[in-house]
Amino acid sequence: MDQDLKFDEMTASDWHQVQAIFTEGIHTGNATFQTEAPTWEEWDMSHSEVCRLVARLNGEVVGWIALSPISSREAFSGVSEVSVYVTHSVTGIGIGSKLLKELVTASEKHGFWTLQSMIFPENEGSIKLHRKFGFDEIGTRKRMGKLNGVWRDVVLLERRSNVVGID
């Protein structure tokens, strides 16, 4: 598989495939509070301009990862939230791990000192993936928001760089 797997910067031309993978995540009911995938323009405006990666297997986008700023304040410019999605047809073969590894490296090159993720407790695979890459569980945010009329908790995980922001 590795010889057919490549990582690239995400571009607008990838959006159709990225959006389809995002929609798969929405339909699981355990990936996001969003109930429909945004347009490219909406997504583009809400995510950092850097650290947008896609995984291509045999030329097809099979996963993606990106950062969203947590605040517009300068003091938090190095803190972002991670989104990672892999199409269901290739889950369990390490693509999520490779995407997250690539993102950690890219994020440090771009000056991010803290990455965080808010994950539904039921999404055990995503929690395990993040822990594998040094994310610590900060706690559970109770009743963080409603999804389809039901209050949902999220587990807050965070990874602090040992390369950036250590001064």
C-alpha atoms as a PDB file:
ATOM      1  CA  MET A   1       0.000   0.000   0.000  1.00  0.00           C
ATOM      2  CA  ASP A   2       2.728   2.549   0.887  1.00  0.00           C
ATOM      3  CA  GLN A   3       4.054   2.825  -2.668  1.00  0.00           C
ATOM      4  CA  ASP A   4       0.565   3.892  -3.810  1.00  0.00           C
ATOM      5  CA  LEU A   5      -0.055   6.286  -0.892  1.00  0.00           C
ATOM      6  CA  LYS A   6       0.915   9.935  -1.310  1.00  0.00           C
ATOM      7  CA  PHE A   7       0.290  13.072   0.704  1.00  0.00           C
ATOM      8  CA  ASP A   8      -0.369  16.432  -0.905  1.00  0.00           C
ATOM      9  CA  GLU A   9      -1.526  19.869   0.071  1.00  0.00           C
ATOM     10  CA  MET A  10      -5.297  20.063  -0.293  1.00  0.00           C
ATOM     11  CA  THR A  11      -6.534  22.308  -3.077  1.00  0.00           C
ATOM     12  CA  ALA A  12      -9.956  23.488  -4.171  1.00  0.00           C
ATOM     13  CA  SER A  13      -9.868  20.821  -6.883  1.00  0.00           C
ATOM     14  CA  ASP A  14      -9.824  18.142  -4.147  1.00  0.00           C
ATOM     15  CA  TRP A  15     -12.996  19.497  -2.543  1.00  0.00           C
ATOM     16  CA  HIS A  16     -15.484  17.128  -4.192  1.00  0.00           C
ATOM     17  CA  GLN A  17     -13.662  14.078  -2.787  1.00  0.00           C
ATOM     18  CA  VAL A  18     -12.925  15.753   0.560  1.00  0.00           C
ATOM     19  CA  GLN A  19     -16.568  16.761   0.901  1.00  0.00           C
ATOM     20  CA  ALA A  20     -17.723  13.187   0.178  1.00  0.00           C
ATOM     21  CA  ILE A  21     -15.438  11.845   2.920  1.00  0.00           C
ATOM     22  CA  PHE A  22     -16.674  14.543   5.301  1.00  0.00           C
ATOM     23  CA  THR A  23     -20.268  13.591   4.485  1.00  0.00           C
ATOM     24  CA  GLU A  24     -19.467   9.951   5.368  1.00  0.00           C
ATOM     25  CA  GLY A  25     -18.245  11.170   8.757  1.00  0.00           C
ATOM     26  CA  ILE A  26     -21.397  13.209   9.282  1.00  0.00           C
ATOM     27  CA  HIS A  27     -23.539  10.133   8.591  1.00  0.00           C
ATOM     28  CA  THR A  28     -21.791   8.128  11.327  1.00  0.00           C
ATOM     29  CA  GLY A  29     -23.295  10.476  13.903  1.00  0.00           C
ATOM     30  CA  ASN A  30     -20.044  10.392  15.886  1.00  0.00           C
ATOM     31  CA  ALA A  31     -17.630  12.582  13.928  1.00  0.00           C
ATOM     32  CA  THR A  32     -18.949  16.156  14.037  1.00  0.00           C
ATOM     33  CA  PHE A  33     -21.762  18.386  15.197  1.00  0.00           C
ATOM     34  CA  GLN A  34     -22.306  19.462  11.592  1.00  0.00           C
ATOM     35  CA  THR A  35     -25.291  17.893   9.885  1.00  0.00           C
ATOM     36  CA  GLU A  36     -24.257  18.710   6.328  1.00  0.00           C
ATOM     37  CA  ALA A  37     -20.964  19.365   4.626  1.00  0.00           C
ATOM     38  CA  PRO A  38     -20.186  23.002   3.903  1.00  0.00           C
ATOM     39  CA  THR A  39     -19.364  24.468   0.536  1.00  0.00           C
ATOM     40  CA  TRP A  40     -15.699  24.840  -0.399  1.00  0.00           C
ATOM     41  CA  GLU A  41     -15.934  28.577   0.295  1.00  0.00           C
ATOM     42  CA  GLU A  42     -17.380  28.039   3.783  1.00  0.00           C
ATOM     43  CA  TRP A  43     -14.840  25.344   4.598  1.00  0.00           C
ATOM     44  CA  ASP A  44     -11.936  27.376   3.197  1.00  0.00           C
ATOM     45  CA  MET A  45     -12.811  30.410   5.330  1.00  0.00           C
ATOM     46  CA  SER A  46     -13.043  28.399   8.558  1.00  0.00           C
ATOM     47  CA  HIS A  47      -9.731  26.517   8.249  1.00  0.00           C
ATOM     48  CA  SER A  48      -6.107  27.583   8.439  1.00  0.00           C
ATOM     49  CA  GLU A  49      -4.487  28.287   5.095  1.00  0.00           C
ATOM     50  CA  VAL A  50      -1.627  25.933   5.980  1.00  0.00           C
ATOM     51  CA  CYS A  51      -1.579  22.301   7.113  1.00  0.00           C
ATOM     52  CA  ARG A  52      -4.367  21.110   4.805  1.00  0.00           C
ATOM     53  CA  LEU A  53      -3.388  17.665   3.637  1.00  0.00           C
ATOM     54  CA  VAL A  54      -4.981  14.896   1.631  1.00  0.00           C
ATOM     55  CA  ALA A  55      -3.980  11.248   1.410  1.00  0.00           C
ATOM     56  CA  ARG A  56      -4.174   9.803  -2.101  1.00  0.00           C
ATOM     57  CA  LEU A  57      -4.293   6.080  -2.665  1.00  0.00           C
ATOM     58  CA  ASN A  58      -3.897   5.201  -6.349  1.00  0.00           C
ATOM     59  CA  GLY A  59      -4.615   8.843  -7.140  1.00  0.00           C
ATOM     60  CA  GLU A  60      -7.913   9.019  -5.252  1.00  0.00           C
ATOM     61  CA  VAL A  61      -8.369  11.120  -2.097  1.00  0.00           C
ATOM     62  CA  VAL A  62      -9.058   8.648   0.724  1.00  0.00           C
ATOM     63  CA  GLY A  63      -8.482  10.907   3.708  1.00  0.00           C
ATOM     64  CA  TRP A  64      -7.854  14.463   4.757  1.00  0.00           C
ATOM     65  CA  ILE A  65      -6.644  16.460   7.719  1.00  0.00           C
ATOM     66  CA  ALA A  66      -6.732  20.186   8.442  1.00  0.00           C
ATOM     67  CA  LEU A  67      -6.488  22.783  11.189  1.00  0.00           C
ATOM     68  CA  SER A  68      -9.018  25.361  12.359  1.00  0.00           C
ATOM     69  CA  PRO A  69      -7.954  28.320  14.478  1.00  0.00           C
ATOM     70  CA  ILE A  70      -9.444  28.304  17.957  1.00  0.00           C
ATOM     71  CA  SER A  71      -9.341  32.081  18.263  1.00  0.00           C
ATOM     72  CA  SER A  72      -8.505  35.206  16.272  1.00  0.00           C
ATOM     73  CA  ARG A  73      -6.432  36.556  19.187  1.00  0.00           C
ATOM     74  CA  GLU A  74      -2.709  36.831  18.478  1.00  0.00           C
ATOM     75  CA  ALA A  75      -1.855  35.071  21.755  1.00  0.00           C
ATOM     76  CA  PHE A  76      -3.537  31.913  20.447  1.00  0.00           C
ATOM     77  CA  SER A  77      -2.096  32.026  16.924  1.00  0.00           C
ATOM     78  CA  GLY A  78      -0.178  28.789  17.514  1.00  0.00           C
ATOM     79  CA  VAL A  79      -3.180  26.828  18.771  1.00  0.00           C
ATOM     80  CA  SER A  80      -5.493  25.013  16.372  1.00  0.00           C
ATOM     81  CA  GLU A  81      -8.116  22.306  16.304  1.00  0.00           C
ATOM     82  CA  VAL A  82      -7.507  19.166  14.261  1.00  0.00           C
ATOM     83  CA  SER A  83     -10.026  17.606  11.886  1.00  0.00           C
ATOM     84  CA  VAL A  84      -9.140  14.226  10.422  1.00  0.00           C
ATOM     85  CA  TYR A  85     -11.347  12.040   8.226  1.00  0.00           C
ATOM     86  CA  VAL A  86     -10.692   8.795   6.353  1.00  0.00           C
ATOM     87  CA  THR A  87     -13.130   7.189   3.941  1.00  0.00           C
ATOM     88  CA  HIS A  88     -14.776   4.076   5.395  1.00  0.00           C
ATOM     89  CA  SER A  89     -13.434   1.817   2.641  1.00  0.00           C
ATOM     90  CA  VAL A  90      -9.837   2.179   3.876  1.00  0.00           C
ATOM     91  CA  THR A  91     -10.204   2.550   7.644  1.00  0.00           C
ATOM     92  CA  GLY A  92      -7.966   0.380   9.765  1.00  0.00           C
ATOM     93  CA  ILE A  93      -4.947   0.325   7.438  1.00  0.00           C
ATOM     94  CA  GLY A  94      -3.030   3.233   8.977  1.00  0.00           C
ATOM     95  CA  ILE A  95      -3.999   6.161   6.767  1.00  0.00           C
ATOM     96  CA  GLY A  96      -5.296   8.195   9.721  1.00  0.00           C
ATOM     97  CA  SER A  97      -2.006   7.602  11.541  1.00  0.00           C
ATOM     98  CA  LYS A  98       0.032   8.702   8.557  1.00  0.00           C
ATOM     99  CA  LEU A  99      -2.094  11.808   8.085  1.00  0.00           C
ATOM    100  CA  LEU A 100      -1.753  12.787  11.733  1.00  0.00           C
ATOM    101  CA  LYS A 101       1.995  12.175  11.667  1.00  0.00           C
ATOM    102  CA  GLU A 102       2.311  14.406   8.578  1.00  0.00           C
ATOM    103  CA  LEU A 103       0.157  17.071  10.216  1.00  0.00           C
ATOM    104  CA  VAL A 104       2.207  17.166  13.414  1.00  0.00           C
ATOM    105  CA  THR A 105       5.378  17.706  11.399  1.00  0.00           C
ATOM    106  CA  ALA A 106       3.769  20.348   9.163  1.00  0.00           C
ATOM    107  CA  SER A 107       2.147  22.150  12.096  1.00  0.00           C
ATOM    108  CA  GLU A 108       5.464  22.536  13.880  1.00  0.00           C
ATOM    109  CA  LYS A 109       7.097  23.871  10.695  1.00  0.00           C
ATOM    110  CA  HIS A 110       4.330  26.496  10.596  1.00  0.00           C
ATOM    111  CA  GLY A 111       4.745  27.500  14.252  1.00  0.00           C
ATOM    112  CA  PHE A 112       1.838  25.728  15.940  1.00  0.00           C
ATOM    113  CA  TRP A 113       2.605  24.839  19.546  1.00  0.00           C
ATOM    114  CA  THR A 114      -0.694  23.264  20.570  1.00  0.00           C
ATOM    115  CA  LEU A 115      -3.060  21.031  18.630  1.00  0.00           C
ATOM    116  CA  GLN A 116      -6.392  20.121  20.130  1.00  0.00           C
ATOM    117  CA  SER A 117      -9.285  17.883  19.219  1.00  0.00           C
ATOM    118  CA  MET A 118     -12.813  17.615  20.555  1.00  0.00           C
ATOM    119  CA  ILE A 119     -14.028  14.084  19.938  1.00  0.00           C
ATOM    120  CA  PHE A 120     -17.287  12.372  20.813  1.00  0.00           C
ATOM    121  CA  PRO A 121     -16.552   9.744  23.510  1.00  0.00           C
ATOM    122  CA  GLU A 122     -18.196   7.113  21.298  1.00  0.00           C
ATOM    123  CA  ASN A 123     -15.532   7.707  18.628  1.00  0.00           C
ATOM    124  CA  GLU A 124     -13.022   5.456  20.373  1.00  0.00           C
ATOM    125  CA  GLY A 125     -10.922   4.947  17.249  1.00  0.00           C
ATOM    126  CA  SER A 126     -10.269   8.667  16.870  1.00  0.00           C
ATOM    127  CA  ILE A 127      -9.417   9.041  20.563  1.00  0.00           C
ATOM    128  CA  LYS A 128      -6.971   6.137  20.281  1.00  0.00           C
ATOM    129  CA  LEU A 129      -5.419   7.643  17.144  1.00  0.00           C
ATOM    130  CA  HIS A 130      -4.840  11.000  18.821  1.00  0.00           C
ATOM    131  CA  ARG A 131      -3.354   9.417  21.950  1.00  0.00           C
ATOM    132  CA  LYS A 132      -0.922   7.494  19.730  1.00  0.00           C
ATOM    133  CA  PHE A 133       0.519  10.838  18.624  1.00  0.00           C
ATOM    134  CA  GLY A 134       0.948  12.372  22.054  1.00  0.00           C
ATOM    135  CA  PHE A 135      -2.447  13.952  22.598  1.00  0.00           C
ATOM    136  CA  ASP A 136      -3.363  13.991  26.280  1.00  0.00           C
ATOM    137  CA  GLU A 137      -6.936  13.839  27.494  1.00  0.00           C
ATOM    138  CA  ILE A 138      -7.695  17.144  29.193  1.00  0.00           C
ATOM    139  CA  GLY A 139     -11.213  16.154  30.208  1.00  0.00           C
ATOM    140  CA  THR A 140     -14.765  15.712  29.049  1.00  0.00           C
ATOM    141  CA  ARG A 141     -16.800  18.748  28.162  1.00  0.00           C
ATOM    142  CA  LYS A 142     -20.315  17.832  29.206  1.00  0.00           C
ATOM    143  CA  ARG A 143     -23.264  18.684  27.004  1.00  0.00           C
ATOM    144  CA  MET A 144     -21.044  20.645  24.622  1.00  0.00           C
ATOM    145  CA  GLY A 145     -23.754  20.923  22.003  1.00  0.00           C
ATOM    146  CA  LYS A 146     -26.819  19.325  20.529  1.00  0.00           C
ATOM    147  CA  LEU A 147     -26.693  17.010  17.546  1.00  0.00           C
ATOM    148  CA  ASN A 148     -30.067  16.162  16.067  1.00  0.00           C
ATOM    149  CA  GLY A 149     -31.745  17.382  19.246  1.00  0.00           C
ATOM    150  CA  VAL A 150     -29.557  15.324  21.617  1.00  0.00           C
ATOM    151  CA  TRP A 151     -26.973  16.835  23.966  1.00  0.00           C
ATOM    152  CA  ARG A 152     -23.523  15.407  23.301  1.00  0.00           C
ATOM    153  CA  ASP A 153     -20.346  15.375  25.356  1.00  0.00           C
ATOM    154  CA  VAL A 154     -16.893  15.732  23.796  1.00  0.00           C
ATOM    155  CA  VAL A 155     -13.523  14.561  25.017  1.00  0.00           C
ATOM    156  CA  LEU A 156     -10.956  17.352  24.790  1.00  0.00           C
ATOM    157  CA  LEU A 157      -7.495  16.168  23.796  1.00  0.00           C
ATOM    158  CA  GLU A 158      -4.403  18.295  23.364  1.00  0.00           C
ATOM    159  CA  ARG A 159      -0.889  17.861  22.072  1.00  0.00           C
ATOM    160  CA  ARG A 160       1.777  20.339  23.131  1.00  0.00           C
ATOM    161  CA  SER A 161       4.821  20.558  20.852  1.00  0.00           C
ATOM    162  CA  ASN A 162       8.222  19.913  22.347  1.00  0.00           C
ATOM    163  CA  VAL A 163       9.774  21.844  19.426  1.00  0.00           C
ATOM    164  CA  VAL A 164       7.642  25.007  19.055  1.00  0.00           C
ATOM    165  CA  GLY A 165       6.683  27.401  21.839  1.00  0.00           C
ATOM    166  CA  ILE A 166       9.188  26.058  24.333  1.00  0.00           C
ATOM    167  CA  ASP A 167      10.810  29.406  25.126  1.00  0.00           C
END
